[in-house]
Amino acid sequence: MHEQNDPRRKARSVTTAEAATRHPVNRQPRGAFAALTSRGYRIYLAGQSLANTGSWMQSIAQDWLVFSLTRSSTAVGVTMALQFGPMLLLGMYAGAIADRLPKKRILLTTQLLNTVTTSALAVITIAGVVRPQDVFVFALLSGLIFAFDGPARQAFVTDVVPPARLRAAISLNAAVFQATRLVGPAVASALIVSVGTGWVFAVNACCYLGPTVGLLLLRPADLQPTTPATRDPRAIRTAARYIRRHPDVLRTLFLVGMLGTFGLNFPIVLTAMAKSAFHGTATTYGLFNIILAAGSSAGALLAGAASRPRLPAIVAASAGFGILEATAAVMPGLPAFIPVLAVMGFVNLMFQAMANAYVQLVVDPDLRGRVMGLYMLVFIGGTPFGSPAIGAITTHFGPRAGMAVCGAVPALAALAVAASLRQHLVSSSHQNVGRADAGNPPKSQPT
């Protein structure tokens, strides 16, 4: 009773309230947009938005160009294998470089190289002398650049946001990446129909100026202090040993690998579904990507607003995505196919955002570049194996069979991880019971 009327207690309450009013920075923003309070992240995200739009435009144009030149889903799969194969060979090495060198310098270099190679493809395509071999070479060069760009870009997010907002930044990155998918395919489809595929590559070459300017605008005060890792000849082995000692991270990487290798072969199955199953054009394929992006953007935003990601939720999202993709494969017409495609995109990005945030939040900061290099390796490095296989299945058995396999593998992988988790919980429970029994010996029997 005396405490309630204590003037000193009231004074302390008033002082606290005034402090909260005068210093609003103490109120940590929440939700998927919390990362936007950091100036460095706003600049970084603006540049990436333009670059991502161009990348989606190029993805549509490249897939359609290869399919138009060869009329083969297998050729599209080979293109993807060449584009993502270098990550399989160089991913971990590139991650070690990202831990040692300034990530900003790495990203500026990769943007310049991307501009040069994309401009070259644009010139020969506009001139009408492009051949499938030229696209294959371009895909390989793009893959070599991306092998160093990917790990550095993933880890660079931690340089432009404080740790408390990292999960929101990762989810917002994914949401913006998918939102640009709404614009990129639409613009690409319009350009392909009106002026030709080559001009899509030309526009994308200009889009690389966005992240370049953004990186140059970043000031030292916009970046979080980081300590570069020392040169370690066993750097890759250290990261691999760390993963083995953290089974939940290993399980997450396994799911990411299965989804990336088999589940996300959209350029193969959706081009074939658009042209063969639904007898459409490049506009139909662009529409599929737009619908997929709309659902994906919503999924990424929800993942950013949710609580800290947990492994069971990641497993459930992987299973849900696989089931939805297999379901989409048997939809008889566009009115049934498109809604399933939207929900599939939603669950896909829920999974990707949660898995990415989970790994980055769990891993030690000095190993983040190497672990994210491994993350990118399993996410993309399996494409040289998965894409040709899915392309061959699609070519010989039809697009619906190819899409069904794309969904079945992630779903089965999720079931395997769920069984592993259940076994681990049962084993832990038995160990706890055993320790409890050891600490409480049985009472002596009465004589």
Protein backbone atom coordinates (compact mmCIF):
# COMPACT_ATOMS: atom_id res chain seq x y z
CA MET A 1 0.00 0.00 0.00
CA HIS A 2 2.84 2.35 0.87
CA GLU A 3 4.68 1.33 -2.31
CA GLN A 4 1.77 2.44 -4.47
CA ASN A 5 1.81 5.95 -2.93
CA ASP A 6 5.58 6.27 -2.78
CA PRO A 7 6.48 9.52 -4.61
CA ARG A 8 9.94 8.17 -5.43
CA ARG A 9 8.35 5.19 -7.23
CA LYS A 10 6.16 7.57 -9.25
CA ALA A 11 9.17 9.69 -10.11
CA ARG A 12 11.02 6.68 -11.38
CA SER A 13 8.03 5.70 -13.53
CA VAL A 14 7.78 9.20 -14.99
CA THR A 15 11.50 9.26 -15.71
CA THR A 16 11.29 5.91 -17.48
CA ALA A 17 8.33 7.01 -19.58
CA GLU A 18 10.04 10.27 -20.52
CA ALA A 19 13.20 8.41 -21.49
CA ALA A 20 11.24 6.07 -23.75
CA THR A 21 9.60 9.12 -25.41
CA ARG A 22 12.83 11.03 -25.85
CA HIS A 23 14.78 8.04 -27.12
CA PRO A 24 12.54 6.13 -29.47
CA VAL A 25 15.52 4.15 -30.74
CA ASN A 26 15.21 2.09 -27.59
CA ARG A 27 11.97 0.72 -28.96
CA GLN A 28 13.19 -2.01 -31.22
CA PRO A 29 11.05 -2.29 -34.37
CA ARG A 30 9.48 -5.63 -35.01
CA GLY A 31 8.25 -7.54 -38.00
CA ALA A 32 9.60 -8.08 -41.47
CA PHE A 33 10.34 -4.36 -42.03
CA ALA A 34 12.52 -3.85 -38.94
CA ALA A 35 15.72 -3.99 -41.01
CA LEU A 36 14.70 -0.86 -42.95
CA THR A 37 15.67 1.29 -39.97
CA SER A 38 19.34 0.75 -40.95
CA ARG A 39 20.53 3.21 -43.64
CA GLY A 40 23.10 0.79 -45.01
CA TYR A 41 20.50 -1.91 -45.48
CA ARG A 42 18.09 0.50 -47.25
CA ILE A 43 20.80 1.45 -49.76
CA TYR A 44 21.84 -2.16 -50.21
CA LEU A 45 18.25 -3.33 -50.72
CA ALA A 46 17.47 -0.60 -53.26
CA GLY A 47 20.41 -1.63 -55.42
CA GLN A 48 19.56 -5.30 -55.12
CA SER A 49 15.95 -4.64 -56.12
CA LEU A 50 17.06 -3.29 -59.48
CA ALA A 51 19.62 -6.07 -59.99
CA ASN A 52 17.09 -8.76 -59.07
CA THR A 53 14.58 -7.37 -61.56
CA GLY A 54 17.21 -7.65 -64.27
CA SER A 55 18.18 -11.15 -63.16
CA TRP A 56 14.61 -12.40 -63.42
CA MET A 57 14.31 -10.80 -66.85
CA GLN A 58 17.49 -12.57 -67.93
CA SER A 59 16.35 -15.89 -66.47
CA ILE A 60 13.17 -15.80 -68.55
CA ALA A 61 15.03 -14.71 -71.67
CA GLN A 62 17.82 -17.27 -71.31
CA ASP A 63 15.47 -20.21 -70.72
CA TRP A 64 13.22 -19.20 -73.59
CA LEU A 65 16.16 -18.56 -75.93
CA VAL A 66 17.66 -22.00 -75.31
CA PHE A 67 14.30 -23.72 -75.68
CA SER A 68 13.58 -21.77 -78.88
CA LEU A 69 16.99 -22.62 -80.38
CA THR A 70 16.90 -26.33 -79.49
CA ARG A 71 13.27 -27.27 -78.72
CA SER A 72 14.72 -29.45 -75.95
CA SER A 73 14.05 -29.43 -72.22
CA THR A 74 17.30 -31.35 -71.84
CA ALA A 75 19.18 -28.37 -73.31
CA VAL A 76 17.55 -26.09 -70.72
CA GLY A 77 18.73 -28.52 -68.05
CA VAL A 78 22.27 -28.48 -69.45
CA THR A 79 22.25 -24.68 -69.38
CA MET A 80 21.25 -24.70 -65.73
CA ALA A 81 23.91 -27.29 -64.97
CA LEU A 82 26.60 -25.11 -66.56
CA GLN A 83 25.34 -22.03 -64.74
CA PHE A 84 25.27 -23.59 -61.29
CA GLY A 85 28.01 -26.20 -61.64
CA PRO A 86 30.86 -23.86 -60.59
CA MET A 87 29.19 -23.42 -57.20
CA LEU A 88 29.61 -27.15 -56.64
CA LEU A 89 33.36 -26.91 -57.23
CA LEU A 90 34.13 -23.48 -55.79
CA GLY A 91 31.39 -22.77 -53.22
CA MET A 92 33.38 -23.58 -50.08
CA TYR A 93 36.56 -21.93 -51.39
CA ALA A 94 34.58 -18.79 -52.29
CA GLY A 95 33.03 -18.80 -48.81
CA ALA A 96 36.50 -18.86 -47.24
CA ILE A 97 37.47 -15.86 -49.39
CA ALA A 98 34.33 -14.04 -48.23
CA ASP A 99 35.46 -14.55 -44.61
CA ARG A 100 38.93 -13.14 -45.34
CA LEU A 101 38.43 -10.30 -47.85
CA PRO A 102 36.12 -7.24 -47.67
CA LYS A 103 32.78 -8.42 -49.01
CA LYS A 104 32.07 -5.00 -50.52
CA ARG A 105 35.15 -5.30 -52.75
CA ILE A 106 34.15 -8.81 -53.84
CA LEU A 107 30.65 -7.67 -54.77
CA LEU A 108 31.89 -4.65 -56.76
CA THR A 109 34.13 -6.97 -58.77
CA THR A 110 31.36 -9.46 -59.51
CA GLN A 111 28.98 -6.68 -60.64
CA LEU A 112 31.56 -5.41 -63.14
CA LEU A 113 32.14 -8.91 -64.54
CA ASN A 114 28.39 -9.55 -64.81
CA THR A 115 27.96 -6.32 -66.78
CA VAL A 116 30.67 -7.31 -69.28
CA THR A 117 29.44 -10.86 -69.92
CA THR A 118 25.77 -9.92 -70.16
CA SER A 119 26.54 -7.09 -72.59
CA ALA A 120 28.45 -9.53 -74.83
CA LEU A 121 25.48 -11.93 -74.95
CA ALA A 122 23.13 -9.03 -75.69
CA VAL A 123 25.23 -7.94 -78.69
CA ILE A 124 25.38 -11.35 -80.40
CA THR A 125 21.71 -12.05 -79.70
CA ILE A 126 20.55 -8.72 -81.11
CA ALA A 127 22.81 -9.29 -84.14
CA GLY A 128 21.02 -12.61 -84.73
CA VAL A 129 24.15 -14.77 -84.65
CA VAL A 130 23.63 -16.42 -81.26
CA ARG A 131 23.96 -20.21 -81.09
CA PRO A 132 23.15 -22.67 -78.30
CA GLN A 133 26.88 -23.04 -77.64
CA ASP A 134 27.13 -19.29 -76.99
CA VAL A 135 24.41 -19.48 -74.36
CA PHE A 136 26.15 -22.47 -72.77
CA VAL A 137 29.43 -20.51 -72.52
CA PHE A 138 27.61 -17.52 -71.06
CA ALA A 139 25.90 -19.75 -68.50
CA LEU A 140 29.26 -21.18 -67.45
CA LEU A 141 30.85 -17.73 -67.07
CA SER A 142 27.83 -16.51 -65.10
CA GLY A 143 28.17 -19.53 -62.85
CA LEU A 144 31.85 -18.82 -62.18
CA ILE A 145 31.03 -15.24 -61.19
CA PHE A 146 28.09 -16.32 -59.07
CA ALA A 147 30.22 -18.87 -57.19
CA PHE A 148 32.08 -15.94 -55.60
CA ASP A 149 29.17 -13.49 -55.56
CA GLY A 150 26.68 -15.77 -53.76
CA PRO A 151 28.49 -16.50 -50.47
CA ALA A 152 29.72 -12.91 -50.20
CA ARG A 153 26.23 -11.53 -50.80
CA GLN A 154 24.64 -13.88 -48.26
CA ALA A 155 27.18 -12.97 -45.59
CA PHE A 156 27.19 -9.24 -46.49
CA VAL A 157 23.69 -8.86 -45.01
CA THR A 158 25.28 -9.15 -41.56
CA ASP A 159 27.47 -6.14 -42.42
CA VAL A 160 24.55 -3.78 -43.08
CA VAL A 161 22.17 -4.74 -40.23
CA PRO A 162 22.73 -5.37 -36.52
CA PRO A 163 22.30 -8.97 -35.32
CA ALA A 164 18.90 -8.25 -33.76
CA ARG A 165 17.46 -7.42 -37.20
CA LEU A 166 19.22 -10.10 -39.21
CA ARG A 167 16.21 -12.42 -39.46
CA ALA A 168 14.01 -9.56 -40.66
CA ALA A 169 16.64 -8.55 -43.23
CA ILE A 170 16.94 -12.07 -44.62
CA SER A 171 13.18 -12.42 -44.94
CA LEU A 172 12.81 -8.98 -46.52
CA ASN A 173 15.61 -9.84 -48.96
CA ALA A 174 13.66 -12.92 -50.00
CA ALA A 175 10.41 -10.96 -50.26
CA VAL A 176 11.94 -8.26 -52.45
CA PHE A 177 13.70 -10.89 -54.54
CA GLN A 178 10.35 -12.51 -55.23
CA ALA A 179 8.54 -9.19 -55.66
CA THR A 180 10.94 -8.33 -58.47
CA ARG A 181 9.85 -11.61 -59.97
CA LEU A 182 6.47 -9.96 -60.52
CA VAL A 183 8.07 -7.22 -62.61
CA GLY A 184 10.97 -9.02 -64.30
CA PRO A 185 9.04 -11.75 -66.14
CA ALA A 186 6.36 -9.31 -67.25
CA VAL A 187 8.93 -6.90 -68.70
CA ALA A 188 10.92 -9.75 -70.23
CA SER A 189 7.85 -11.25 -71.90
CA ALA A 190 6.89 -7.86 -73.34
CA LEU A 191 10.41 -7.24 -74.66
CA ILE A 192 10.71 -10.74 -76.17
CA VAL A 193 7.44 -10.35 -78.06
CA SER A 194 8.04 -6.73 -79.15
CA VAL A 195 11.78 -6.25 -79.81
CA GLY A 196 13.42 -9.63 -79.24
CA THR A 197 15.30 -11.62 -76.59
CA GLY A 198 18.59 -9.76 -77.03
CA TRP A 199 17.19 -6.52 -75.65
CA VAL A 200 16.30 -8.29 -72.41
CA PHE A 201 20.00 -9.04 -71.90
CA ALA A 202 20.86 -5.43 -72.75
CA VAL A 203 18.45 -4.08 -70.13
CA ASN A 204 19.84 -6.50 -67.55
CA ALA A 205 23.38 -5.27 -68.22
CA CYS A 206 22.17 -1.78 -67.31
CA CYS A 207 20.44 -3.10 -64.18
CA TYR A 208 23.80 -4.14 -62.72
CA LEU A 209 24.49 -0.43 -62.18
CA GLY A 210 21.99 -0.48 -59.30
CA PRO A 211 23.98 -2.58 -56.81
CA THR A 212 27.24 -1.01 -58.00
CA VAL A 213 26.05 2.51 -57.16
CA GLY A 214 24.53 1.27 -53.90
CA LEU A 215 27.78 -0.33 -52.77
CA LEU A 216 29.71 2.85 -53.59
CA LEU A 217 27.23 4.95 -51.54
CA LEU A 218 27.77 2.88 -48.39
CA ARG A 219 29.81 4.72 -45.77
CA PRO A 220 31.95 3.06 -43.08
CA ALA A 221 29.36 4.14 -40.49
CA ASP A 222 26.69 2.17 -42.41
CA LEU A 223 28.54 -1.11 -41.92
CA GLN A 224 28.74 -3.28 -38.82
CA PRO A 225 32.27 -3.77 -37.47
CA THR A 226 33.67 -7.14 -38.54
CA THR A 227 36.99 -8.87 -38.04
CA PRO A 228 38.26 -10.67 -41.15
CA ALA A 229 39.18 -14.28 -40.60
CA THR A 230 42.87 -15.11 -40.62
CA ARG A 231 44.29 -17.20 -43.41
CA ASP A 232 43.77 -20.82 -42.45
CA PRO A 233 44.84 -23.65 -44.75
CA ARG A 234 42.24 -25.83 -43.01
CA ALA A 235 39.43 -23.26 -43.25
CA ILE A 236 37.12 -25.51 -45.26
CA ARG A 237 37.81 -28.48 -43.01
CA THR A 238 37.05 -26.34 -39.95
CA ALA A 239 33.65 -25.37 -41.38
CA ALA A 240 32.84 -28.98 -42.29
CA ARG A 241 33.76 -30.14 -38.78
CA TYR A 242 31.53 -27.41 -37.31
CA ILE A 243 28.60 -28.64 -39.40
CA ARG A 244 29.11 -32.24 -38.28
CA ARG A 245 29.01 -31.14 -34.64
CA HIS A 246 25.68 -29.34 -35.16
CA PRO A 247 23.24 -31.98 -36.49
CA ASP A 248 20.29 -29.59 -36.76
CA VAL A 249 22.29 -27.36 -39.12
CA LEU A 250 23.27 -30.47 -41.07
CA ARG A 251 19.61 -31.54 -41.32
CA THR A 252 18.65 -28.08 -42.56
CA LEU A 253 21.37 -28.13 -45.20
CA PHE A 254 20.18 -31.55 -46.35
CA LEU A 255 16.64 -30.24 -46.88
CA VAL A 256 17.98 -27.15 -48.65
CA GLY A 257 20.06 -29.37 -50.93
CA MET A 258 17.16 -31.63 -51.86
CA LEU A 259 14.87 -28.69 -52.57
CA GLY A 260 17.53 -26.86 -54.59
CA THR A 261 18.65 -29.89 -56.57
CA PHE A 262 15.23 -31.29 -57.47
CA GLY A 263 12.37 -29.08 -56.28
CA LEU A 264 13.30 -25.77 -57.90
CA ASN A 265 13.79 -26.79 -61.52
CA PHE A 266 11.10 -24.31 -62.54
CA PRO A 267 12.82 -23.18 -65.78
CA ILE A 268 12.63 -26.77 -67.04
CA VAL A 269 9.19 -27.87 -65.92
CA LEU A 270 7.36 -24.55 -66.24
CA THR A 271 8.62 -23.85 -69.77
CA ALA A 272 7.51 -27.33 -70.76
CA MET A 273 4.18 -27.00 -68.92
CA ALA A 274 3.54 -23.65 -70.62
CA LYS A 275 4.36 -24.88 -74.13
CA SER A 276 3.45 -28.58 -74.11
CA ALA A 277 0.86 -29.14 -71.38
CA PHE A 278 -1.10 -25.89 -71.81
CA HIS A 279 -0.05 -24.98 -75.40
CA GLY A 280 0.98 -21.46 -74.42
CA THR A 281 3.71 -18.96 -75.35
CA ALA A 282 6.44 -16.98 -73.61
CA THR A 283 3.65 -14.89 -72.08
CA THR A 284 2.23 -18.01 -70.42
CA TYR A 285 5.63 -18.86 -68.97
CA GLY A 286 5.97 -15.28 -67.75
CA LEU A 287 2.54 -15.53 -66.13
CA PHE A 288 3.60 -18.69 -64.28
CA ASN A 289 6.62 -16.86 -62.86
CA ILE A 290 4.50 -13.89 -61.82
CA ILE A 291 2.01 -16.12 -59.99
CA LEU A 292 4.84 -18.01 -58.34
CA ALA A 293 6.45 -14.74 -57.27
CA ALA A 294 3.23 -13.35 -55.79
CA GLY A 295 2.89 -16.32 -53.47
CA SER A 296 6.62 -16.32 -52.72
CA SER A 297 6.64 -12.66 -51.66
CA ALA A 298 3.83 -13.26 -49.18
CA GLY A 299 5.62 -16.32 -47.79
CA ALA A 300 8.88 -14.45 -47.26
CA LEU A 301 7.16 -11.56 -45.47
CA LEU A 302 5.31 -13.93 -43.18
CA ALA A 303 8.55 -15.73 -42.37
CA GLY A 304 10.14 -12.39 -41.43
CA ALA A 305 7.28 -11.43 -39.14
CA ALA A 306 7.18 -14.83 -37.44
CA SER A 307 9.15 -15.83 -34.37
CA ARG A 308 12.64 -17.30 -34.49
CA PRO A 309 12.62 -20.18 -37.02
CA ARG A 310 12.62 -23.72 -35.66
CA LEU A 311 13.67 -26.91 -37.37
CA PRO A 312 10.24 -28.65 -37.16
CA ALA A 313 8.66 -25.73 -39.02
CA ILE A 314 11.38 -25.93 -41.67
CA VAL A 315 10.74 -29.66 -42.10
CA ALA A 316 6.98 -29.09 -42.40
CA ALA A 317 7.49 -26.37 -45.03
CA SER A 318 9.73 -28.68 -47.10
CA ALA A 319 7.12 -31.44 -47.00
CA GLY A 320 4.31 -29.03 -47.85
CA PHE A 321 6.18 -27.61 -50.83
CA GLY A 322 6.87 -31.07 -52.26
CA ILE A 323 3.26 -32.17 -51.90
CA LEU A 324 2.00 -28.98 -53.55
CA GLU A 325 4.39 -29.30 -56.51
CA ALA A 326 3.37 -32.90 -57.09
CA THR A 327 -0.28 -31.79 -56.88
CA ALA A 328 0.29 -29.00 -59.42
CA ALA A 329 1.72 -31.55 -61.84
CA VAL A 330 -1.66 -33.30 -62.19
CA MET A 331 -3.87 -30.21 -62.44
CA PRO A 332 -5.86 -30.54 -65.68
CA GLY A 333 -6.08 -26.88 -66.73
CA LEU A 334 -4.86 -23.35 -65.98
CA PRO A 335 -7.76 -22.43 -63.63
CA ALA A 336 -6.70 -25.27 -61.31
CA PHE A 337 -2.94 -25.06 -61.93
CA ILE A 338 -2.46 -21.35 -61.15
CA PRO A 339 -3.87 -21.32 -57.56
CA VAL A 340 -1.75 -24.34 -56.60
CA LEU A 341 1.27 -22.61 -58.14
CA ALA A 342 0.65 -19.53 -55.97
CA VAL A 343 0.40 -21.56 -52.74
CA MET A 344 3.47 -23.53 -53.77
CA GLY A 345 5.42 -20.28 -54.09
CA PHE A 346 4.18 -19.17 -50.67
CA VAL A 347 5.38 -22.34 -48.95
CA ASN A 348 8.62 -22.40 -50.94
CA LEU A 349 9.72 -18.99 -49.69
CA MET A 350 8.54 -19.73 -46.18
CA PHE A 351 10.96 -22.64 -46.26
CA GLN A 352 13.84 -20.73 -47.87
CA ALA A 353 13.58 -17.71 -45.57
CA MET A 354 13.33 -19.83 -42.42
CA ALA A 355 16.19 -22.13 -43.44
CA ASN A 356 18.50 -19.25 -44.38
CA ALA A 357 17.77 -17.29 -41.20
CA TYR A 358 18.10 -20.40 -39.02
CA VAL A 359 21.57 -21.21 -40.34
CA GLN A 360 22.86 -17.62 -40.18
CA LEU A 361 21.55 -17.11 -36.64
CA VAL A 362 22.98 -20.38 -35.32
CA VAL A 363 26.43 -20.29 -36.92
CA ASP A 364 29.39 -18.53 -35.27
CA PRO A 365 30.09 -15.16 -36.99
CA ASP A 366 33.70 -15.99 -37.88
CA LEU A 367 32.49 -19.07 -39.79
CA ARG A 368 29.46 -17.49 -41.42
CA GLY A 369 31.02 -16.93 -44.85
CA ARG A 370 32.26 -20.51 -45.10
CA VAL A 371 29.03 -22.02 -43.83
CA MET A 372 26.98 -19.86 -46.19
CA GLY A 373 29.32 -20.97 -48.95
CA LEU A 374 28.36 -24.53 -48.05
CA TYR A 375 24.71 -23.43 -47.90
CA MET A 376 24.93 -22.03 -51.43
CA LEU A 377 26.82 -25.14 -52.52
CA VAL A 378 24.08 -27.53 -51.42
CA PHE A 379 21.31 -25.17 -52.56
CA ILE A 380 22.69 -24.63 -56.05
CA GLY A 381 25.61 -27.04 -56.44
CA GLY A 382 23.31 -30.02 -56.96
CA THR A 383 21.75 -28.39 -60.03
CA PRO A 384 24.30 -29.97 -62.43
CA PHE A 385 22.91 -33.35 -61.34
CA GLY A 386 19.27 -32.54 -60.76
CA SER A 387 18.58 -30.34 -63.78
CA PRO A 388 19.76 -32.74 -66.51
CA ALA A 389 17.88 -35.57 -64.79
CA ILE A 390 14.65 -33.56 -64.56
CA GLY A 391 15.20 -32.32 -68.11
CA ALA A 392 15.55 -35.89 -69.39
CA ILE A 393 12.44 -37.04 -67.49
CA THR A 394 10.50 -34.07 -68.85
CA THR A 395 11.65 -34.69 -72.41
CA HIS A 396 10.92 -38.43 -72.44
CA PHE A 397 7.89 -38.70 -70.13
CA GLY A 398 6.33 -35.25 -70.37
CA PRO A 399 6.27 -32.11 -68.21
CA ARG A 400 3.79 -33.50 -65.71
CA ALA A 401 6.07 -36.42 -64.88
CA GLY A 402 9.04 -34.09 -64.49
CA MET A 403 7.15 -31.75 -62.17
CA ALA A 404 5.83 -34.66 -60.09
CA VAL A 405 9.39 -35.90 -59.48
CA CYS A 406 10.45 -32.35 -58.54
CA GLY A 407 7.84 -32.40 -55.77
CA ALA A 408 8.29 -35.98 -54.60
CA VAL A 409 11.98 -35.68 -53.69
CA PRO A 410 11.70 -32.74 -51.20
CA ALA A 411 8.65 -34.37 -49.62
CA LEU A 412 10.51 -37.66 -49.11
CA ALA A 413 13.55 -35.80 -47.78
CA ALA A 414 11.34 -34.04 -45.22
CA LEU A 415 9.92 -37.38 -44.11
CA ALA A 416 13.45 -38.74 -43.65
CA VAL A 417 14.49 -35.74 -41.54
CA ALA A 418 11.28 -35.96 -39.50
CA ALA A 419 12.05 -39.61 -38.77
CA SER A 420 15.61 -38.67 -37.79
CA LEU A 421 14.33 -35.98 -35.42
CA ARG A 422 11.86 -38.40 -33.86
CA GLN A 423 14.58 -40.98 -33.33
CA HIS A 424 16.82 -38.33 -31.78
CA LEU A 425 14.08 -37.25 -29.38
CA VAL A 426 13.38 -40.84 -28.35
CA SER A 427 17.09 -41.49 -27.81
CA SER A 428 17.45 -38.31 -25.74
CA SER A 429 14.44 -39.26 -23.65
CA HIS A 430 15.91 -42.69 -22.88
CA GLN A 431 19.24 -41.12 -21.93
CA ASN A 432 17.53 -38.67 -19.59
CA VAL A 433 15.62 -41.52 -17.95
CA GLY A 434 18.86 -43.47 -17.59
CA ARG A 435 20.60 -40.52 -15.93
CA ALA A 436 17.64 -40.04 -13.60
CA ASP A 437 17.71 -43.70 -12.61
CA ALA A 438 21.46 -43.52 -11.99
CA GLY A 439 20.94 -40.58 -9.67
CA ASN A 440 18.16 -42.36 -7.77
CA PRO A 441 19.23 -45.98 -6.93
CA PRO A 442 16.39 -48.39 -6.18
CA LYS A 443 15.30 -48.74 -2.58
CA SER A 444 16.38 -51.89 -0.74
CA GLN A 445 13.82 -54.66 -0.69
CA PRO A 446 12.26 -55.48 2.71
CA THR A 447 13.53 -58.65 4.37
